[in-house]
Amino acid sequence: MKTKTFIVQGMHCTSCAFMIESDLEDEGVKAHCNYAKQTLEVEFDEKKISEKTIREVVLQAGYQIV
């Protein structure tokens, strides 16, 4: 398992964070967003999902990820 923290721009409330967490958890990723800090911490199995896919999920949800 790998843990990585990303900066996510555009989250304005807990609903934003919840939506990102839900979308990632559907992909098998353990995710925790903090909208106040604009961070996303994920724990994932690199054999099942790539960082690129995680980034794509966040982008498809309408947020920028650094």
PDB file of N, CA and C in Angstrom:
ATOM      1  N   MET A   1       0.843  -1.182   0.000  1.00  0.00           N
ATOM      2  CA  MET A   1       0.000   0.000   0.000  1.00  0.00           C
ATOM      3  C   MET A   1       0.887   1.244   0.000  1.00  0.00           C
ATOM      4  N   LYS A   2       0.450   2.225  -0.728  1.00  0.00           N
ATOM      5  CA  LYS A   2       1.179   3.485  -0.817  1.00  0.00           C
ATOM      6  C   LYS A   2       0.282   4.602  -0.285  1.00  0.00           C
ATOM      7  N   THR A   3       0.876   5.556   0.403  1.00  0.00           N
ATOM      8  CA  THR A   3       0.147   6.726   0.884  1.00  0.00           C
ATOM      9  C   THR A   3       0.728   7.965   0.227  1.00  0.00           C
ATOM     10  N   LYS A   4      -0.141   8.834  -0.256  1.00  0.00           N
ATOM     11  CA  LYS A   4       0.302  10.054  -0.923  1.00  0.00           C
ATOM     12  C   LYS A   4      -0.667  11.175  -0.590  1.00  0.00           C
ATOM     13  N   THR A   5      -0.130  12.373  -0.452  1.00  0.00           N
ATOM     14  CA  THR A   5      -0.943  13.559  -0.201  1.00  0.00           C
ATOM     15  C   THR A   5      -0.858  14.482  -1.407  1.00  0.00           C
ATOM     16  N   PHE A   6      -2.028  14.945  -1.847  1.00  0.00           N
ATOM     17  CA  PHE A   6      -2.134  15.864  -2.974  1.00  0.00           C
ATOM     18  C   PHE A   6      -2.749  17.176  -2.498  1.00  0.00           C
ATOM     19  N   ILE A   7      -2.466  18.246  -3.230  1.00  0.00           N
ATOM     20  CA  ILE A   7      -3.155  19.512  -3.033  1.00  0.00           C
ATOM     21  C   ILE A   7      -4.296  19.538  -4.036  1.00  0.00           C
ATOM     22  N   VAL A   8      -5.515  19.825  -3.551  1.00  0.00           N
ATOM     23  CA  VAL A   8      -6.688  19.885  -4.414  1.00  0.00           C
ATOM     24  C   VAL A   8      -7.252  21.300  -4.351  1.00  0.00           C
ATOM     25  N   GLN A   9      -7.331  21.937  -5.483  1.00  0.00           N
ATOM     26  CA  GLN A   9      -7.841  23.301  -5.548  1.00  0.00           C
ATOM     27  C   GLN A   9      -9.304  23.290  -5.963  1.00  0.00           C
ATOM     28  N   GLY A  10     -10.083  24.153  -5.324  1.00  0.00           N
ATOM     29  CA  GLY A  10     -11.477  24.300  -5.707  1.00  0.00           C
ATOM     30  C   GLY A  10     -12.483  23.731  -4.732  1.00  0.00           C
ATOM     31  N   MET A  11     -12.023  23.071  -3.659  1.00  0.00           N
ATOM     32  CA  MET A  11     -12.962  22.575  -2.653  1.00  0.00           C
ATOM     33  C   MET A  11     -13.423  23.748  -1.790  1.00  0.00           C
ATOM     34  N   HIS A  12     -14.749  23.891  -1.620  1.00  0.00           N
ATOM     35  CA  HIS A  12     -15.288  25.010  -0.862  1.00  0.00           C
ATOM     36  C   HIS A  12     -15.989  24.600   0.428  1.00  0.00           C
ATOM     37  N   CYS A  13     -16.281  23.298   0.567  1.00  0.00           N
ATOM     38  CA  CYS A  13     -17.055  22.866   1.732  1.00  0.00           C
ATOM     39  C   CYS A  13     -16.857  21.363   1.959  1.00  0.00           C
ATOM     40  N   THR A  14     -17.472  20.868   3.011  1.00  0.00           N
ATOM     41  CA  THR A  14     -17.352  19.442   3.318  1.00  0.00           C
ATOM     42  C   THR A  14     -18.012  18.579   2.243  1.00  0.00           C
ATOM     43  N   SER A  15     -19.023  19.105   1.575  1.00  0.00           N
ATOM     44  CA  SER A  15     -19.666  18.338   0.501  1.00  0.00           C
ATOM     45  C   SER A  15     -18.698  18.097  -0.656  1.00  0.00           C
ATOM     46  N   CYS A  16     -17.874  19.088  -0.950  1.00  0.00           N
ATOM     47  CA  CYS A  16     -16.850  18.924  -1.993  1.00  0.00           C
ATOM     48  C   CYS A  16     -15.903  17.791  -1.605  1.00  0.00           C
ATOM     49  N   ALA A  17     -15.428  17.843  -0.373  1.00  0.00           N
ATOM     50  CA  ALA A  17     -14.498  16.819   0.112  1.00  0.00           C
ATOM     51  C   ALA A  17     -15.156  15.444   0.099  1.00  0.00           C
ATOM     52  N   PHE A  18     -16.400  15.367   0.541  1.00  0.00           N
ATOM     53  CA  PHE A  18     -17.114  14.097   0.576  1.00  0.00           C
ATOM     54  C   PHE A  18     -17.280  13.509  -0.822  1.00  0.00           C
ATOM     55  N   MET A  19     -17.557  14.360  -1.801  1.00  0.00           N
ATOM     56  CA  MET A  19     -17.746  13.878  -3.165  1.00  0.00           C
ATOM     57  C   MET A  19     -16.450  13.259  -3.703  1.00  0.00           C
ATOM     58  N   ILE A  20     -15.321  13.908  -3.460  1.00  0.00           N
ATOM     59  CA  ILE A  20     -14.043  13.375  -3.919  1.00  0.00           C
ATOM     60  C   ILE A  20     -13.748  12.051  -3.221  1.00  0.00           C
ATOM     61  N   GLU A  21     -13.943  12.014  -1.899  1.00  0.00           N
ATOM     62  CA  GLU A  21     -13.711  10.778  -1.141  1.00  0.00           C
ATOM     63  C   GLU A  21     -14.576   9.643  -1.681  1.00  0.00           C
ATOM     64  N   SER A  22     -15.838   9.918  -1.917  1.00  0.00           N
ATOM     65  CA  SER A  22     -16.766   8.889  -2.409  1.00  0.00           C
ATOM     66  C   SER A  22     -16.350   8.371  -3.783  1.00  0.00           C
ATOM     67  N   ASP A  23     -15.984   9.286  -4.680  1.00  0.00           N
ATOM     68  CA  ASP A  23     -15.574   8.884  -6.025  1.00  0.00           C
ATOM     69  C   ASP A  23     -14.337   7.997  -5.971  1.00  0.00           C
ATOM     70  N   LEU A  24     -13.386   8.335  -5.108  1.00  0.00           N
ATOM     71  CA  LEU A  24     -12.157   7.545  -5.005  1.00  0.00           C
ATOM     72  C   LEU A  24     -12.404   6.210  -4.315  1.00  0.00           C
ATOM     73  N   GLU A  25     -13.260   6.211  -3.298  1.00  0.00           N
ATOM     74  CA  GLU A  25     -13.545   4.962  -2.592  1.00  0.00           C
ATOM     75  C   GLU A  25     -14.251   3.972  -3.507  1.00  0.00           C
ATOM     76  N   ASP A  26     -15.016   4.473  -4.479  1.00  0.00           N
ATOM     77  CA  ASP A  26     -15.630   3.595  -5.483  1.00  0.00           C
ATOM     78  C   ASP A  26     -14.564   2.882  -6.311  1.00  0.00           C
ATOM     79  N   GLU A  27     -13.378   3.483  -6.389  1.00  0.00           N
ATOM     80  CA  GLU A  27     -12.259   2.907  -7.139  1.00  0.00           C
ATOM     81  C   GLU A  27     -11.357   2.037  -6.260  1.00  0.00           C
ATOM     82  N   GLY A  28     -11.706   1.869  -4.985  1.00  0.00           N
ATOM     83  CA  GLY A  28     -10.919   1.032  -4.088  1.00  0.00           C
ATOM     84  C   GLY A  28      -9.816   1.762  -3.351  1.00  0.00           C
ATOM     85  N   VAL A  29      -9.903   3.086  -3.296  1.00  0.00           N
ATOM     86  CA  VAL A  29      -8.886   3.917  -2.646  1.00  0.00           C
ATOM     87  C   VAL A  29      -9.423   4.405  -1.310  1.00  0.00           C
ATOM     88  N   LYS A  30      -8.596   4.342  -0.276  1.00  0.00           N
ATOM     89  CA  LYS A  30      -8.958   4.959   1.001  1.00  0.00           C
ATOM     90  C   LYS A  30      -8.562   6.423   0.891  1.00  0.00           C
ATOM     91  N   ALA A  31      -9.534   7.314   1.051  1.00  0.00           N
ATOM     92  CA  ALA A  31      -9.277   8.736   0.828  1.00  0.00           C
ATOM     93  C   ALA A  31      -9.784   9.576   1.986  1.00  0.00           C
ATOM     94  N   HIS A  32      -9.035  10.642   2.277  1.00  0.00           N
ATOM     95  CA  HIS A  32      -9.463  11.616   3.272  1.00  0.00           C
ATOM     96  C   HIS A  32      -9.142  13.006   2.738  1.00  0.00           C
ATOM     97  N   CYS A  33     -10.193  13.815   2.556  1.00  0.00           N
ATOM     98  CA  CYS A  33     -10.038  15.188   2.082  1.00  0.00           C
ATOM     99  C   CYS A  33     -10.225  16.151   3.246  1.00  0.00           C
ATOM    100  N   ASN A  34      -9.452  17.211   3.222  1.00  0.00           N
ATOM    101  CA  ASN A  34      -9.626  18.308   4.174  1.00  0.00           C
ATOM    102  C   ASN A  34      -9.804  19.564   3.340  1.00  0.00           C
ATOM    103  N   TYR A  35     -11.046  20.031   3.226  1.00  0.00           N
ATOM    104  CA  TYR A  35     -11.303  21.169   2.352  1.00  0.00           C
ATOM    105  C   TYR A  35     -10.659  22.446   2.879  1.00  0.00           C
ATOM    106  N   ALA A  36     -10.545  22.602   4.191  1.00  0.00           N
ATOM    107  CA  ALA A  36      -9.939  23.809   4.764  1.00  0.00           C
ATOM    108  C   ALA A  36      -8.453  23.911   4.407  1.00  0.00           C
ATOM    109  N   LYS A  37      -7.780  22.766   4.377  1.00  0.00           N
ATOM    110  CA  LYS A  37      -6.352  22.740   4.032  1.00  0.00           C
ATOM    111  C   LYS A  37      -6.126  22.478   2.549  1.00  0.00           C
ATOM    112  N   GLN A  38      -7.218  22.154   1.824  1.00  0.00           N
ATOM    113  CA  GLN A  38      -7.154  21.843   0.400  1.00  0.00           C
ATOM    114  C   GLN A  38      -6.252  20.631   0.134  1.00  0.00           C
ATOM    115  N   THR A  39      -6.347  19.616   1.001  1.00  0.00           N
ATOM    116  CA  THR A  39      -5.510  18.427   0.838  1.00  0.00           C
ATOM    117  C   THR A  39      -6.355  17.167   0.637  1.00  0.00           C
ATOM    118  N   LEU A  40      -5.738  16.223  -0.017  1.00  0.00           N
ATOM    119  CA  LEU A  40      -6.313  14.899  -0.224  1.00  0.00           C
ATOM    120  C   LEU A  40      -5.235  13.888   0.117  1.00  0.00           C
ATOM    121  N   GLU A  41      -5.510  13.052   1.102  1.00  0.00           N
ATOM    122  CA  GLU A  41      -4.584  11.980   1.451  1.00  0.00           C
ATOM    123  C   GLU A  41      -5.214  10.670   1.019  1.00  0.00           C
ATOM    124  N   VAL A  42      -4.457   9.907   0.248  1.00  0.00           N
ATOM    125  CA  VAL A  42      -4.968   8.641  -0.263  1.00  0.00           C
ATOM    126  C   VAL A  42      -4.036   7.497   0.112  1.00  0.00           C
ATOM    127  N   GLU A  43      -4.641   6.348   0.364  1.00  0.00           N
ATOM    128  CA  GLU A  43      -3.910   5.108   0.567  1.00  0.00           C
ATOM    129  C   GLU A  43      -4.429   4.147  -0.496  1.00  0.00           C
ATOM    130  N   PHE A  44      -3.515   3.622  -1.297  1.00  0.00           N
ATOM    131  CA  PHE A  44      -3.946   2.796  -2.420  1.00  0.00           C
ATOM    132  C   PHE A  44      -2.922   1.723  -2.746  1.00  0.00           C
ATOM    133  N   ASP A  45      -3.400   0.705  -3.435  1.00  0.00           N
ATOM    134  CA  ASP A  45      -2.560  -0.393  -3.890  1.00  0.00           C
ATOM    135  C   ASP A  45      -2.140  -0.084  -5.325  1.00  0.00           C
ATOM    136  N   GLU A  46      -0.861   0.136  -5.529  1.00  0.00           N
ATOM    137  CA  GLU A  46      -0.350   0.503  -6.853  1.00  0.00           C
ATOM    138  C   GLU A  46      -0.589  -0.578  -7.902  1.00  0.00           C
ATOM    139  N   LYS A  47      -0.840  -1.801  -7.464  1.00  0.00           N
ATOM    140  CA  LYS A  47      -1.120  -2.882  -8.406  1.00  0.00           C
ATOM    141  C   LYS A  47      -2.549  -2.801  -8.932  1.00  0.00           C
ATOM    142  N   LYS A  48      -3.415  -2.079  -8.209  1.00  0.00           N
ATOM    143  CA  LYS A  48      -4.828  -1.996  -8.589  1.00  0.00           C
ATOM    144  C   LYS A  48      -5.206  -0.654  -9.221  1.00  0.00           C
ATOM    145  N   ILE A  49      -4.513   0.414  -8.824  1.00  0.00           N
ATOM    146  CA  ILE A  49      -4.848   1.740  -9.336  1.00  0.00           C
ATOM    147  C   ILE A  49      -3.582   2.592  -9.340  1.00  0.00           C
ATOM    148  N   SER A  50      -3.459   3.449 -10.340  1.00  0.00           N
ATOM    149  CA  SER A  50      -2.272   4.294 -10.465  1.00  0.00           C
ATOM    150  C   SER A  50      -2.562   5.708  -9.960  1.00  0.00           C
ATOM    151  N   GLU A  51      -1.488   6.449  -9.718  1.00  0.00           N
ATOM    152  CA  GLU A  51      -1.645   7.859  -9.337  1.00  0.00           C
ATOM    153  C   GLU A  51      -2.346   8.619 -10.454  1.00  0.00           C
ATOM    154  N   LYS A  52      -2.046   8.255 -11.693  1.00  0.00           N
ATOM    155  CA  LYS A  52      -2.670   8.914 -12.838  1.00  0.00           C
ATOM    156  C   LYS A  52      -4.186   8.750 -12.791  1.00  0.00           C
ATOM    157  N   THR A  53      -4.653   7.563 -12.481  1.00  0.00           N
ATOM    158  CA  THR A  53      -6.097   7.322 -12.391  1.00  0.00           C
ATOM    159  C   THR A  53      -6.710   8.116 -11.242  1.00  0.00           C
ATOM    160  N   ILE A  54      -6.016   8.190 -10.117  1.00  0.00           N
ATOM    161  CA  ILE A  54      -6.503   8.983  -8.976  1.00  0.00           C
ATOM    162  C   ILE A  54      -6.657  10.441  -9.400  1.00  0.00           C
ATOM    163  N   ARG A  55      -5.652  10.967 -10.090  1.00  0.00           N
ATOM    164  CA  ARG A  55      -5.718  12.348 -10.580  1.00  0.00           C
ATOM    165  C   ARG A  55      -6.909  12.536 -11.529  1.00  0.00           C
ATOM    166  N   GLU A  56      -7.122  11.578 -12.410  1.00  0.00           N
ATOM    167  CA  GLU A  56      -8.226  11.667 -13.373  1.00  0.00           C
ATOM    168  C   GLU A  56      -9.577  11.685 -12.677  1.00  0.00           C
ATOM    169  N   VAL A  57      -9.733  10.880 -11.631  1.00  0.00           N
ATOM    170  CA  VAL A  57     -10.995  10.846 -10.877  1.00  0.00           C
ATOM    171  C   VAL A  57     -11.276  12.216 -10.263  1.00  0.00           C
ATOM    172  N   VAL A  58     -10.253  12.827  -9.684  1.00  0.00           N
ATOM    173  CA  VAL A  58     -10.410  14.151  -9.066  1.00  0.00           C
ATOM    174  C   VAL A  58     -10.730  15.204 -10.135  1.00  0.00           C
ATOM    175  N   LEU A  59     -10.041  15.140 -11.256  1.00  0.00           N
ATOM    176  CA  LEU A  59     -10.302  16.087 -12.344  1.00  0.00           C
ATOM    177  C   LEU A  59     -11.717  15.928 -12.882  1.00  0.00           C
ATOM    178  N   GLN A  60     -12.178  14.688 -13.023  1.00  0.00           N
ATOM    179  CA  GLN A  60     -13.541  14.445 -13.530  1.00  0.00           C
ATOM    180  C   GLN A  60     -14.596  14.958 -12.554  1.00  0.00           C
ATOM    181  N   ALA A  61     -14.240  15.022 -11.275  1.00  0.00           N
ATOM    182  CA  ALA A  61     -15.164  15.555 -10.275  1.00  0.00           C
ATOM    183  C   ALA A  61     -15.211  17.084 -10.327  1.00  0.00           C
ATOM    184  N   GLY A  62     -14.300  17.696 -11.097  1.00  0.00           N
ATOM    185  CA  GLY A  62     -14.340  19.140 -11.295  1.00  0.00           C
ATOM    186  C   GLY A  62     -13.346  19.931 -10.457  1.00  0.00           C
ATOM    187  N   TYR A  63     -12.314  19.274  -9.959  1.00  0.00           N
ATOM    188  CA  TYR A  63     -11.321  19.939  -9.110  1.00  0.00           C
ATOM    189  C   TYR A  63      -9.935  19.830  -9.732  1.00  0.00           C
ATOM    190  N   GLN A  64      -9.079  20.777  -9.395  1.00  0.00           N
ATOM    191  CA  GLN A  64      -7.693  20.747  -9.842  1.00  0.00           C
ATOM    192  C   GLN A  64      -6.856  20.033  -8.800  1.00  0.00           C
ATOM    193  N   ILE A  65      -5.907  19.228  -9.228  1.00  0.00           N
ATOM    194  CA  ILE A  65      -5.062  18.479  -8.308  1.00  0.00           C
ATOM    195  C   ILE A  65      -3.597  18.767  -8.642  1.00  0.00           C
ATOM    196  N   VAL A  66      -2.824  19.008  -7.593  1.00  0.00           N
ATOM    197  CA  VAL A  66      -1.403  19.329  -7.759  1.00  0.00           C
ATOM    198  C   VAL A  66      -0.578  18.157  -7.276  1.00  0.00           C
TER     199      VAL A  66
END
